[in-house]
Amino acid sequence: MDRIRSTITYLILTIFGLTMIIPFIWMISTALMTQSEFNKQETLFIPKEEYYVWNNEGVKERILLVMEEGDTSVIHLLDEELNIKEEYKKVPSAQIELVRKKPSLHFSNFVKAFKKVPFGLYFYNTIYVSFLSLIGVLFTGLLAAYAFSRMEFRGRDFFFYLFLSMMMVPQPIYMISSYILLDKLNWLDTYNALIIPWTANIFTIFLFRQHFKALPKELFDAAAIDGCSVFGMLWRIVIPLSKPIIATASVFSLISSWNSFMWPLVMINRPELRVLQVGLSYFNQEASTQTTLLMAASTFSIIPILILFFFAQKQIIASYAKTGLKD
């Protein structure tokens, strides 16, 4: 019975796993196609390329086959950049060859997409904003969570649950008031608008608090007897025992900053301050008919986050194993 239950569980997990990973595989496959391959819609996951060449006395030239008229074919001659250089040329059909390449991997799409708009600048802005926001999130999160979990003061639980209730407020509700506030502070179109409002994260505070409350009280009693200060306990006891949960919070913060779209779109108008997701949106408008380039740009914008997750997944699992997430 247990074996059947395990088999069914793994089968369901496999189905859902494939459901989530298939769109990602399609994105990478499309990024490696030419636009003509994608337009034909002959394959979804394995890029393949078919084209005609004209064997002109041993010299093979790339062509577009227009039509066949018996033993004669009408073709367009193409140059090295696949632009038409001679139209409606009649040649013997016997000199026309069909070339099939399978798989056809066009990594040049990534280079073309990266050069089409200043993605280098977008990556720099995103990394800069993400890491400064992360420093602020860890600083405020550690201090606030330590106060809510280990310090006694009037209204502690009330303020904590008030903070938690703010997690239920969707971003569009406070977007206009935030815009007005940042305008009063003259922070619009500056890095301050992208960084400072996100240097505190309620979910991070909640995550840290739950972990800190699970630490043995005897450690803090022993430290107090030895004369350790409040901040000394935080620095010497809490932080060294919280490395997995800090790694988890860091990954969540970086992913949130990396994927941020609505906030920077509203608060920033200067092109030189655009972050990656906003830049990707503008690239979508400029290259709306070039699906392969769009998929290439989407791929290299996602890859850094995937690499980050794979490196930190052990820490994330360890944090959930050690943290009960219970009050």
C-alpha atoms as a PDB file:
ATOM      1  CA  MET A   1       0.000   0.000   0.000  1.00  0.00           C
ATOM      2  CA  ASP A   2       2.822   2.413   0.873  1.00  0.00           C
ATOM      3  CA  ARG A   3       4.561   1.617  -2.420  1.00  0.00           C
ATOM      4  CA  ILE A   4       1.396   2.399  -4.398  1.00  0.00           C
ATOM      5  CA  ARG A   5       0.932   5.655  -2.490  1.00  0.00           C
ATOM      6  CA  SER A   6       4.568   6.628  -3.164  1.00  0.00           C
ATOM      7  CA  THR A   7       4.239   5.754  -6.855  1.00  0.00           C
ATOM      8  CA  ILE A   8       1.117   7.880  -7.231  1.00  0.00           C
ATOM      9  CA  THR A   9       2.774  10.765  -5.365  1.00  0.00           C
ATOM     10  CA  TYR A  10       5.889  10.692  -7.539  1.00  0.00           C
ATOM     11  CA  LEU A  11       3.770  10.385 -10.685  1.00  0.00           C
ATOM     12  CA  ILE A  12       1.744  13.472  -9.766  1.00  0.00           C
ATOM     13  CA  LEU A  13       4.899  15.409  -8.876  1.00  0.00           C
ATOM     14  CA  THR A  14       6.500  14.393 -12.186  1.00  0.00           C
ATOM     15  CA  ILE A  15       3.464  15.567 -14.163  1.00  0.00           C
ATOM     16  CA  PHE A  16       3.417  18.930 -12.402  1.00  0.00           C
ATOM     17  CA  GLY A  17       7.201  19.224 -12.766  1.00  0.00           C
ATOM     18  CA  LEU A  18       6.981  18.650 -16.527  1.00  0.00           C
ATOM     19  CA  THR A  19       4.114  21.138 -16.741  1.00  0.00           C
ATOM     20  CA  MET A  20       6.357  23.810 -15.211  1.00  0.00           C
ATOM     21  CA  ILE A  21       9.541  22.991 -17.126  1.00  0.00           C
ATOM     22  CA  ILE A  22       8.076  22.543 -20.641  1.00  0.00           C
ATOM     23  CA  PRO A  23       7.505  26.304 -21.213  1.00  0.00           C
ATOM     24  CA  PHE A  24      11.127  26.928 -20.181  1.00  0.00           C
ATOM     25  CA  ILE A  25      12.368  24.287 -22.642  1.00  0.00           C
ATOM     26  CA  TRP A  26      10.207  25.838 -25.383  1.00  0.00           C
ATOM     27  CA  MET A  27      11.696  29.268 -24.619  1.00  0.00           C
ATOM     28  CA  ILE A  28      15.278  28.001 -24.974  1.00  0.00           C
ATOM     29  CA  SER A  29      14.408  26.023 -28.115  1.00  0.00           C
ATOM     30  CA  THR A  30      12.803  29.069 -29.724  1.00  0.00           C
ATOM     31  CA  ALA A  31      15.807  31.203 -28.789  1.00  0.00           C
ATOM     32  CA  LEU A  32      18.022  28.824 -30.803  1.00  0.00           C
ATOM     33  CA  MET A  33      15.881  28.955 -33.958  1.00  0.00           C
ATOM     34  CA  THR A  34      15.934  31.343 -36.880  1.00  0.00           C
ATOM     35  CA  GLN A  35      12.831  33.460 -37.335  1.00  0.00           C
ATOM     36  CA  SER A  36      11.943  31.573 -40.519  1.00  0.00           C
ATOM     37  CA  GLU A  37      12.101  28.264 -38.647  1.00  0.00           C
ATOM     38  CA  PHE A  38       9.798  29.601 -35.962  1.00  0.00           C
ATOM     39  CA  ASN A  39       7.339  30.974 -38.538  1.00  0.00           C
ATOM     40  CA  LYS A  40       7.034  27.550 -40.171  1.00  0.00           C
ATOM     41  CA  GLN A  41       5.895  26.054 -36.833  1.00  0.00           C
ATOM     42  CA  GLU A  42       7.158  22.620 -37.915  1.00  0.00           C
ATOM     43  CA  THR A  43       8.826  21.839 -34.600  1.00  0.00           C
ATOM     44  CA  LEU A  44       8.402  22.918 -30.996  1.00  0.00           C
ATOM     45  CA  PHE A  45      11.441  21.693 -29.105  1.00  0.00           C
ATOM     46  CA  ILE A  46      14.155  20.599 -31.566  1.00  0.00           C
ATOM     47  CA  PRO A  47      15.395  23.469 -33.741  1.00  0.00           C
ATOM     48  CA  LYS A  48      15.846  22.405 -37.337  1.00  0.00           C
ATOM     49  CA  GLU A  49      16.662  24.457 -40.385  1.00  0.00           C
ATOM     50  CA  GLU A  50      15.813  23.810 -44.014  1.00  0.00           C
ATOM     51  CA  TYR A  51      16.835  26.016 -46.912  1.00  0.00           C
ATOM     52  CA  TYR A  52      17.618  25.809 -50.607  1.00  0.00           C
ATOM     53  CA  VAL A  53      20.927  26.417 -52.342  1.00  0.00           C
ATOM     54  CA  TRP A  54      21.766  26.863 -56.016  1.00  0.00           C
ATOM     55  CA  ASN A  55      24.722  24.766 -57.134  1.00  0.00           C
ATOM     56  CA  ASN A  56      26.189  27.164 -59.709  1.00  0.00           C
ATOM     57  CA  GLU A  57      29.085  25.184 -61.188  1.00  0.00           C
ATOM     58  CA  GLY A  58      30.323  24.056 -57.793  1.00  0.00           C
ATOM     59  CA  VAL A  59      29.571  27.357 -56.027  1.00  0.00           C
ATOM     60  CA  LYS A  60      26.612  26.978 -53.701  1.00  0.00           C
ATOM     61  CA  GLU A  61      24.580  30.118 -53.120  1.00  0.00           C
ATOM     62  CA  ARG A  62      21.721  30.522 -50.658  1.00  0.00           C
ATOM     63  CA  ILE A  63      18.378  31.135 -52.375  1.00  0.00           C
ATOM     64  CA  LEU A  64      14.661  31.475 -51.855  1.00  0.00           C
ATOM     65  CA  LEU A  65      12.683  29.131 -54.070  1.00  0.00           C
ATOM     66  CA  VAL A  66       9.776  31.074 -55.579  1.00  0.00           C
ATOM     67  CA  MET A  67       8.237  28.458 -57.890  1.00  0.00           C
ATOM     68  CA  GLU A  68       9.032  25.497 -60.129  1.00  0.00           C
ATOM     69  CA  GLU A  69       8.113  25.452 -63.819  1.00  0.00           C
ATOM     70  CA  GLY A  70       8.931  22.002 -65.113  1.00  0.00           C
ATOM     71  CA  ASP A  71      12.703  21.674 -65.396  1.00  0.00           C
ATOM     72  CA  THR A  72      13.184  25.368 -64.523  1.00  0.00           C
ATOM     73  CA  SER A  73      12.917  27.043 -61.128  1.00  0.00           C
ATOM     74  CA  VAL A  74      12.395  30.696 -60.268  1.00  0.00           C
ATOM     75  CA  ILE A  75      14.563  31.804 -57.358  1.00  0.00           C
ATOM     76  CA  HIS A  76      15.736  34.840 -55.391  1.00  0.00           C
ATOM     77  CA  LEU A  77      19.481  34.969 -54.752  1.00  0.00           C
ATOM     78  CA  LEU A  78      20.523  35.898 -51.208  1.00  0.00           C
ATOM     79  CA  ASP A  79      23.683  37.560 -49.938  1.00  0.00           C
ATOM     80  CA  GLU A  80      25.679  36.618 -46.820  1.00  0.00           C
ATOM     81  CA  GLU A  81      23.213  38.481 -44.592  1.00  0.00           C
ATOM     82  CA  LEU A  82      20.281  36.643 -46.245  1.00  0.00           C
ATOM     83  CA  ASN A  83      19.040  39.764 -48.011  1.00  0.00           C
ATOM     84  CA  ILE A  84      17.774  39.449 -51.583  1.00  0.00           C
ATOM     85  CA  LYS A  85      20.447  40.545 -54.061  1.00  0.00           C
ATOM     86  CA  GLU A  86      18.831  39.291 -57.297  1.00  0.00           C
ATOM     87  CA  GLU A  87      15.153  38.585 -57.928  1.00  0.00           C
ATOM     88  CA  TYR A  88      13.254  36.123 -60.135  1.00  0.00           C
ATOM     89  CA  LYS A  89      16.228  34.365 -61.632  1.00  0.00           C
ATOM     90  CA  LYS A  90      15.479  31.264 -63.708  1.00  0.00           C
ATOM     91  CA  VAL A  91      17.813  28.301 -63.221  1.00  0.00           C
ATOM     92  CA  PRO A  92      17.622  24.550 -63.953  1.00  0.00           C
ATOM     93  CA  SER A  93      15.740  22.674 -61.261  1.00  0.00           C
ATOM     94  CA  ALA A  94      18.461  20.020 -61.212  1.00  0.00           C
ATOM     95  CA  GLN A  95      20.848  22.620 -59.733  1.00  0.00           C
ATOM     96  CA  ILE A  96      18.588  23.284 -56.751  1.00  0.00           C
ATOM     97  CA  GLU A  97      19.443  21.417 -53.521  1.00  0.00           C
ATOM     98  CA  LEU A  98      17.526  21.226 -50.262  1.00  0.00           C
ATOM     99  CA  VAL A  99      19.760  21.493 -47.187  1.00  0.00           C
ATOM    100  CA  ARG A 100      18.492  20.128 -43.850  1.00  0.00           C
ATOM    101  CA  LYS A 101      20.209  20.903 -40.561  1.00  0.00           C
ATOM    102  CA  LYS A 102      18.926  19.159 -37.451  1.00  0.00           C
ATOM    103  CA  PRO A 103      19.444  20.264 -34.803  1.00  0.00           C
ATOM    104  CA  SER A 104      20.118  23.843 -35.797  1.00  0.00           C
ATOM    105  CA  LEU A 105      21.472  25.876 -32.874  1.00  0.00           C
ATOM    106  CA  HIS A 106      21.709  29.609 -33.556  1.00  0.00           C
ATOM    107  CA  PHE A 107      23.507  31.016 -30.512  1.00  0.00           C
ATOM    108  CA  SER A 108      23.957  34.230 -32.466  1.00  0.00           C
ATOM    109  CA  ASN A 109      20.392  35.163 -31.420  1.00  0.00           C
ATOM    110  CA  PHE A 110      21.682  35.849 -27.908  1.00  0.00           C
ATOM    111  CA  VAL A 111      24.383  38.178 -29.236  1.00  0.00           C
ATOM    112  CA  LYS A 112      21.920  39.995 -31.514  1.00  0.00           C
ATOM    113  CA  ALA A 113      19.384  40.434 -28.703  1.00  0.00           C
ATOM    114  CA  PHE A 114      22.033  41.666 -26.252  1.00  0.00           C
ATOM    115  CA  LYS A 115      23.299  44.282 -28.735  1.00  0.00           C
ATOM    116  CA  LYS A 116      19.900  45.449 -29.944  1.00  0.00           C
ATOM    117  CA  VAL A 117      19.254  47.425 -26.740  1.00  0.00           C
ATOM    118  CA  PRO A 118      21.683  48.274 -23.889  1.00  0.00           C
ATOM    119  CA  PHE A 119      21.125  45.095 -21.871  1.00  0.00           C
ATOM    120  CA  GLY A 120      24.558  45.539 -20.296  1.00  0.00           C
ATOM    121  CA  LEU A 121      23.335  48.745 -18.662  1.00  0.00           C
ATOM    122  CA  TYR A 122      20.084  47.072 -17.615  1.00  0.00           C
ATOM    123  CA  PHE A 123      22.019  44.237 -15.969  1.00  0.00           C
ATOM    124  CA  TYR A 124      24.244  46.710 -14.135  1.00  0.00           C
ATOM    125  CA  ASN A 125      21.264  48.692 -12.812  1.00  0.00           C
ATOM    126  CA  THR A 126      19.471  45.528 -11.718  1.00  0.00           C
ATOM    127  CA  ILE A 127      22.506  44.100  -9.930  1.00  0.00           C
ATOM    128  CA  TYR A 128      23.247  47.444  -8.256  1.00  0.00           C
ATOM    129  CA  VAL A 129      19.672  47.903  -7.042  1.00  0.00           C
ATOM    130  CA  SER A 130      19.310  44.248  -5.991  1.00  0.00           C
ATOM    131  CA  PHE A 131      22.439  44.105  -3.845  1.00  0.00           C
ATOM    132  CA  LEU A 132      21.909  47.465  -2.132  1.00  0.00           C
ATOM    133  CA  SER A 133      18.304  46.496  -1.401  1.00  0.00           C
ATOM    134  CA  LEU A 134      19.551  43.149  -0.056  1.00  0.00           C
ATOM    135  CA  ILE A 135      21.927  44.877   2.364  1.00  0.00           C
ATOM    136  CA  GLY A 136      19.071  47.024   3.648  1.00  0.00           C
ATOM    137  CA  VAL A 137      16.684  44.055   3.916  1.00  0.00           C
ATOM    138  CA  LEU A 138      19.165  42.005   5.953  1.00  0.00           C
ATOM    139  CA  PHE A 139      20.046  44.931   8.233  1.00  0.00           C
ATOM    140  CA  THR A 140      16.455  45.946   8.999  1.00  0.00           C
ATOM    141  CA  GLY A 141      15.204  42.363   9.040  1.00  0.00           C
ATOM    142  CA  LEU A 142      17.758  41.124  11.573  1.00  0.00           C
ATOM    143  CA  LEU A 143      17.231  44.067  13.923  1.00  0.00           C
ATOM    144  CA  ALA A 144      13.429  44.067  13.711  1.00  0.00           C
ATOM    145  CA  ALA A 145      13.112  40.286  13.998  1.00  0.00           C
ATOM    146  CA  TYR A 146      15.465  40.190  17.000  1.00  0.00           C
ATOM    147  CA  ALA A 147      13.420  42.886  18.716  1.00  0.00           C
ATOM    148  CA  PHE A 148      10.116  41.122  18.001  1.00  0.00           C
ATOM    149  CA  SER A 149      11.394  37.719  19.122  1.00  0.00           C
ATOM    150  CA  ARG A 150      13.797  38.361  22.043  1.00  0.00           C
ATOM    151  CA  MET A 151      13.045  41.801  23.489  1.00  0.00           C
ATOM    152  CA  GLU A 152      10.124  42.727  25.733  1.00  0.00           C
ATOM    153  CA  PHE A 153       8.348  46.034  25.113  1.00  0.00           C
ATOM    154  CA  ARG A 154       4.785  47.299  25.217  1.00  0.00           C
ATOM    155  CA  GLY A 155       2.765  46.593  22.062  1.00  0.00           C
ATOM    156  CA  ARG A 156       5.330  44.151  20.643  1.00  0.00           C
ATOM    157  CA  ASP A 157       2.829  41.597  19.356  1.00  0.00           C
ATOM    158  CA  PHE A 158       0.417  44.311  18.195  1.00  0.00           C
ATOM    159  CA  PHE A 159       3.037  45.990  16.006  1.00  0.00           C
ATOM    160  CA  PHE A 160       4.241  42.656  14.681  1.00  0.00           C
ATOM    161  CA  TYR A 161       0.774  41.559  13.577  1.00  0.00           C
ATOM    162  CA  LEU A 162       0.186  45.055  12.190  1.00  0.00           C
ATOM    163  CA  PHE A 163       3.275  44.545  10.035  1.00  0.00           C
ATOM    164  CA  LEU A 164       1.994  41.143   8.935  1.00  0.00           C
ATOM    165  CA  SER A 165      -1.371  42.604   7.950  1.00  0.00           C
ATOM    166  CA  MET A 166       0.425  44.921   5.512  1.00  0.00           C
ATOM    167  CA  MET A 167       1.505  41.858   3.502  1.00  0.00           C
ATOM    168  CA  MET A 168      -2.112  41.478   2.402  1.00  0.00           C
ATOM    169  CA  VAL A 169      -2.186  44.924   0.774  1.00  0.00           C
ATOM    170  CA  PRO A 170      -1.532  44.616  -2.984  1.00  0.00           C
ATOM    171  CA  GLN A 171       1.063  46.925  -4.500  1.00  0.00           C
ATOM    172  CA  PRO A 172      -1.305  48.820  -6.874  1.00  0.00           C
ATOM    173  CA  ILE A 173      -3.241  50.142  -3.869  1.00  0.00           C
ATOM    174  CA  TYR A 174      -0.296  52.114  -2.442  1.00  0.00           C
ATOM    175  CA  MET A 175       1.391  52.871  -5.781  1.00  0.00           C
ATOM    176  CA  ILE A 176      -0.167  56.340  -6.213  1.00  0.00           C
ATOM    177  CA  SER A 177       0.502  57.459  -2.634  1.00  0.00           C
ATOM    178  CA  SER A 178       4.078  56.163  -2.921  1.00  0.00           C
ATOM    179  CA  TYR A 179       4.559  58.108  -6.153  1.00  0.00           C
ATOM    180  CA  ILE A 180       3.348  61.309  -4.501  1.00  0.00           C
ATOM    181  CA  LEU A 181       5.621  60.757  -1.494  1.00  0.00           C
ATOM    182  CA  LEU A 182       8.679  60.091  -3.656  1.00  0.00           C
ATOM    183  CA  ASP A 183       7.856  63.164  -5.714  1.00  0.00           C
ATOM    184  CA  LYS A 184       7.792  65.288  -2.531  1.00  0.00           C
ATOM    185  CA  LEU A 185      11.210  63.879  -1.605  1.00  0.00           C
ATOM    186  CA  ASN A 186      12.559  64.545  -5.146  1.00  0.00           C
ATOM    187  CA  TRP A 187      13.455  60.852  -5.446  1.00  0.00           C
ATOM    188  CA  LEU A 188      11.657  60.126  -8.704  1.00  0.00           C
ATOM    189  CA  ASP A 189      14.011  59.132 -11.525  1.00  0.00           C
ATOM    190  CA  THR A 190      16.792  58.329  -9.051  1.00  0.00           C
ATOM    191  CA  TYR A 191      18.259  55.161  -7.558  1.00  0.00           C
ATOM    192  CA  ASN A 192      16.731  56.191  -4.222  1.00  0.00           C
ATOM    193  CA  ALA A 193      13.251  55.407  -5.567  1.00  0.00           C
ATOM    194  CA  LEU A 194      14.363  51.909  -6.540  1.00  0.00           C
ATOM    195  CA  ILE A 195      16.351  51.054  -3.415  1.00  0.00           C
ATOM    196  CA  ILE A 196      15.259  52.825  -0.211  1.00  0.00           C
ATOM    197  CA  PRO A 197      11.541  51.819  -0.192  1.00  0.00           C
ATOM    198  CA  TRP A 198      12.602  48.169  -0.480  1.00  0.00           C
ATOM    199  CA  THR A 199      15.259  48.086   2.247  1.00  0.00           C
ATOM    200  CA  ALA A 200      12.653  46.638   4.623  1.00  0.00           C
ATOM    201  CA  ASN A 201      10.716  43.476   3.872  1.00  0.00           C
ATOM    202  CA  ILE A 202       7.909  42.213   6.096  1.00  0.00           C
ATOM    203  CA  PHE A 203       8.211  38.600   4.970  1.00  0.00           C
ATOM    204  CA  THR A 204      11.946  38.628   5.793  1.00  0.00           C
ATOM    205  CA  ILE A 205      11.190  39.993   9.267  1.00  0.00           C
ATOM    206  CA  PHE A 206       8.599  37.255   9.763  1.00  0.00           C
ATOM    207  CA  LEU A 207      11.013  34.565   8.557  1.00  0.00           C
ATOM    208  CA  PHE A 208      13.806  35.758  10.858  1.00  0.00           C
ATOM    209  CA  ARG A 209      11.483  36.159  13.861  1.00  0.00           C
ATOM    210  CA  GLN A 210      10.178  32.614  13.588  1.00  0.00           C
ATOM    211  CA  HIS A 211      13.727  31.268  13.444  1.00  0.00           C
ATOM    212  CA  PHE A 212      14.978  33.426  16.329  1.00  0.00           C
ATOM    213  CA  LYS A 213      12.097  32.278  18.555  1.00  0.00           C
ATOM    214  CA  ALA A 214      13.107  28.661  17.909  1.00  0.00           C
ATOM    215  CA  LEU A 215      16.642  29.191  19.262  1.00  0.00           C
ATOM    216  CA  PRO A 216      17.205  27.748  22.783  1.00  0.00           C
ATOM    217  CA  LYS A 217      16.642  30.302  25.540  1.00  0.00           C
ATOM    218  CA  GLU A 218      19.536  28.779  27.496  1.00  0.00           C
ATOM    219  CA  LEU A 219      22.023  30.220  24.988  1.00  0.00           C
ATOM    220  CA  PHE A 220      20.854  33.759  25.711  1.00  0.00           C
ATOM    221  CA  ASP A 221      20.768  33.183  29.482  1.00  0.00           C
ATOM    222  CA  ALA A 222      24.362  31.928  29.417  1.00  0.00           C
ATOM    223  CA  ALA A 223      25.446  34.885  27.295  1.00  0.00           C
ATOM    224  CA  ALA A 224      23.740  37.329  29.677  1.00  0.00           C
ATOM    225  CA  ILE A 225      25.525  35.750  32.651  1.00  0.00           C
ATOM    226  CA  ASP A 226      28.836  36.197  30.816  1.00  0.00           C
ATOM    227  CA  GLY A 227      28.019  39.903  30.406  1.00  0.00           C
ATOM    228  CA  CYS A 228      27.149  39.875  26.702  1.00  0.00           C
ATOM    229  CA  SER A 229      25.165  42.904  25.541  1.00  0.00           C
ATOM    230  CA  VAL A 230      21.916  42.767  23.556  1.00  0.00           C
ATOM    231  CA  PHE A 231      23.699  43.511  20.272  1.00  0.00           C
ATOM    232  CA  GLY A 232      26.488  41.144  21.273  1.00  0.00           C
ATOM    233  CA  MET A 233      23.968  38.310  21.495  1.00  0.00           C
ATOM    234  CA  LEU A 234      22.682  39.199  18.056  1.00  0.00           C
ATOM    235  CA  TRP A 235      26.180  39.311  16.543  1.00  0.00           C
ATOM    236  CA  ARG A 236      27.810  36.388  18.384  1.00  0.00           C
ATOM    237  CA  ILE A 237      24.894  33.967  18.852  1.00  0.00           C
ATOM    238  CA  VAL A 238      21.947  34.676  16.605  1.00  0.00           C
ATOM    239  CA  ILE A 239      23.665  35.472  13.295  1.00  0.00           C
ATOM    240  CA  PRO A 240      26.126  32.512  13.357  1.00  0.00           C
ATOM    241  CA  LEU A 241      23.200  30.146  14.037  1.00  0.00           C
ATOM    242  CA  SER A 242      21.055  31.722  11.305  1.00  0.00           C
ATOM    243  CA  LYS A 243      23.207  31.329   8.197  1.00  0.00           C
ATOM    244  CA  PRO A 244      20.723  29.036   6.360  1.00  0.00           C
ATOM    245  CA  ILE A 245      17.771  31.346   7.019  1.00  0.00           C
ATOM    246  CA  ILE A 246      19.847  34.401   6.032  1.00  0.00           C
ATOM    247  CA  ALA A 247      20.783  32.661   2.775  1.00  0.00           C
ATOM    248  CA  THR A 248      17.119  31.885   2.126  1.00  0.00           C
ATOM    249  CA  ALA A 249      16.017  35.455   2.791  1.00  0.00           C
ATOM    250  CA  SER A 250      18.846  36.735   0.578  1.00  0.00           C
ATOM    251  CA  VAL A 251      17.743  34.558  -2.331  1.00  0.00           C
ATOM    252  CA  PHE A 252      14.112  35.647  -1.960  1.00  0.00           C
ATOM    253  CA  SER A 253      15.148  39.306  -1.793  1.00  0.00           C
ATOM    254  CA  LEU A 254      17.388  39.050  -4.866  1.00  0.00           C
ATOM    255  CA  ILE A 255      14.698  37.245  -6.865  1.00  0.00           C
ATOM    256  CA  SER A 256      12.107  39.852  -5.879  1.00  0.00           C
ATOM    257  CA  SER A 257      14.395  42.741  -6.887  1.00  0.00           C
ATOM    258  CA  TRP A 258      15.450  40.998 -10.095  1.00  0.00           C
ATOM    259  CA  ASN A 259      11.842  40.411 -11.177  1.00  0.00           C
ATOM    260  CA  SER A 260      10.551  43.820 -10.110  1.00  0.00           C
ATOM    261  CA  PHE A 261       8.632  45.452 -12.947  1.00  0.00           C
ATOM    262  CA  MET A 262       5.658  47.612 -11.950  1.00  0.00           C
ATOM    263  CA  TRP A 263       7.478  49.737  -9.351  1.00  0.00           C
ATOM    264  CA  PRO A 264      10.480  50.749 -11.517  1.00  0.00           C
ATOM    265  CA  LEU A 265       8.195  51.219 -14.535  1.00  0.00           C
ATOM    266  CA  VAL A 266       6.161  53.830 -12.662  1.00  0.00           C
ATOM    267  CA  MET A 267       8.940  55.515 -10.669  1.00  0.00           C
ATOM    268  CA  ILE A 268      11.643  55.723 -13.361  1.00  0.00           C
ATOM    269  CA  ASN A 269      11.458  57.441 -16.754  1.00  0.00           C
ATOM    270  CA  ARG A 270      15.149  57.927 -17.562  1.00  0.00           C
ATOM    271  CA  PRO A 271      16.392  55.194 -19.958  1.00  0.00           C
ATOM    272  CA  GLU A 272      19.786  55.057 -18.221  1.00  0.00           C
ATOM    273  CA  LEU A 273      18.120  53.937 -14.960  1.00  0.00           C
ATOM    274  CA  ARG A 274      15.975  51.162 -16.403  1.00  0.00           C
ATOM    275  CA  VAL A 275      16.265  47.789 -14.717  1.00  0.00           C
ATOM    276  CA  LEU A 276      16.242  44.495 -16.581  1.00  0.00           C
ATOM    277  CA  GLN A 277      12.517  43.694 -16.568  1.00  0.00           C
ATOM    278  CA  VAL A 278      11.564  47.198 -17.713  1.00  0.00           C
ATOM    279  CA  GLY A 279      14.251  47.087 -20.397  1.00  0.00           C
ATOM    280  CA  LEU A 280      12.921  43.701 -21.512  1.00  0.00           C
ATOM    281  CA  SER A 281       9.457  45.229 -21.830  1.00  0.00           C
ATOM    282  CA  TYR A 282      10.771  48.037 -24.068  1.00  0.00           C
ATOM    283  CA  PHE A 283      12.722  45.467 -26.081  1.00  0.00           C
ATOM    284  CA  ASN A 284       9.470  43.555 -26.536  1.00  0.00           C
ATOM    285  CA  GLN A 285       7.935  46.657 -28.124  1.00  0.00           C
ATOM    286  CA  GLU A 286      10.893  47.197 -30.459  1.00  0.00           C
ATOM    287  CA  ALA A 287      11.279  43.548 -31.527  1.00  0.00           C
ATOM    288  CA  SER A 288       7.674  42.387 -31.314  1.00  0.00           C
ATOM    289  CA  THR A 289       7.914  40.512 -34.640  1.00  0.00           C
ATOM    290  CA  GLN A 290      11.241  38.819 -33.792  1.00  0.00           C
ATOM    291  CA  THR A 291      10.091  36.076 -31.463  1.00  0.00           C
ATOM    292  CA  THR A 292      13.441  34.279 -31.451  1.00  0.00           C
ATOM    293  CA  LEU A 293      15.262  37.395 -30.208  1.00  0.00           C
ATOM    294  CA  LEU A 294      12.589  37.940 -27.559  1.00  0.00           C
ATOM    295  CA  MET A 295      13.042  34.396 -26.286  1.00  0.00           C
ATOM    296  CA  ALA A 296      16.834  34.822 -26.320  1.00  0.00           C
ATOM    297  CA  ALA A 297      16.554  38.000 -24.248  1.00  0.00           C
ATOM    298  CA  SER A 298      14.136  36.291 -21.849  1.00  0.00           C
ATOM    299  CA  THR A 299      16.519  33.358 -21.481  1.00  0.00           C
ATOM    300  CA  PHE A 300      19.603  35.335 -20.501  1.00  0.00           C
ATOM    301  CA  SER A 301      17.515  37.447 -18.125  1.00  0.00           C
ATOM    302  CA  ILE A 302      16.363  34.308 -16.279  1.00  0.00           C
ATOM    303  CA  ILE A 303      19.654  32.371 -16.242  1.00  0.00           C
ATOM    304  CA  PRO A 304      21.305  34.396 -13.384  1.00  0.00           C
ATOM    305  CA  ILE A 305      18.357  33.716 -11.066  1.00  0.00           C
ATOM    306  CA  LEU A 306      18.417  29.999 -11.889  1.00  0.00           C
ATOM    307  CA  ILE A 307      22.144  29.818 -11.179  1.00  0.00           C
ATOM    308  CA  LEU A 308      21.609  31.647  -7.883  1.00  0.00           C
ATOM    309  CA  PHE A 309      18.857  29.232  -6.864  1.00  0.00           C
ATOM    310  CA  PHE A 310      20.869  26.104  -7.715  1.00  0.00           C
ATOM    311  CA  PHE A 311      23.813  27.343  -5.665  1.00  0.00           C
ATOM    312  CA  ALA A 312      21.619  28.257  -2.696  1.00  0.00           C
ATOM    313  CA  GLN A 313      19.089  25.414  -2.755  1.00  0.00           C
ATOM    314  CA  LYS A 314      20.889  23.449  -0.008  1.00  0.00           C
ATOM    315  CA  GLN A 315      20.786  26.471   2.279  1.00  0.00           C
ATOM    316  CA  ILE A 316      17.098  27.000   1.498  1.00  0.00           C
ATOM    317  CA  ILE A 317      16.235  23.384   2.316  1.00  0.00           C
ATOM    318  CA  ALA A 318      18.323  23.554   5.496  1.00  0.00           C
ATOM    319  CA  SER A 319      16.558  26.721   6.610  1.00  0.00           C
ATOM    320  CA  TYR A 320      13.120  25.126   6.315  1.00  0.00           C
ATOM    321  CA  ALA A 321      14.357  21.985   8.039  1.00  0.00           C
ATOM    322  CA  LYS A 322      15.681  23.965  11.010  1.00  0.00           C
ATOM    323  CA  THR A 323      12.916  26.534  11.206  1.00  0.00           C
ATOM    324  CA  GLY A 324       9.552  25.352  12.412  1.00  0.00           C
ATOM    325  CA  LEU A 325       7.747  28.457  11.163  1.00  0.00           C
ATOM    326  CA  LYS A 326       5.486  28.310  14.165  1.00  0.00           C
ATOM    327  CA  ASP A 327       4.806  30.815  16.891  1.00  0.00           C
END
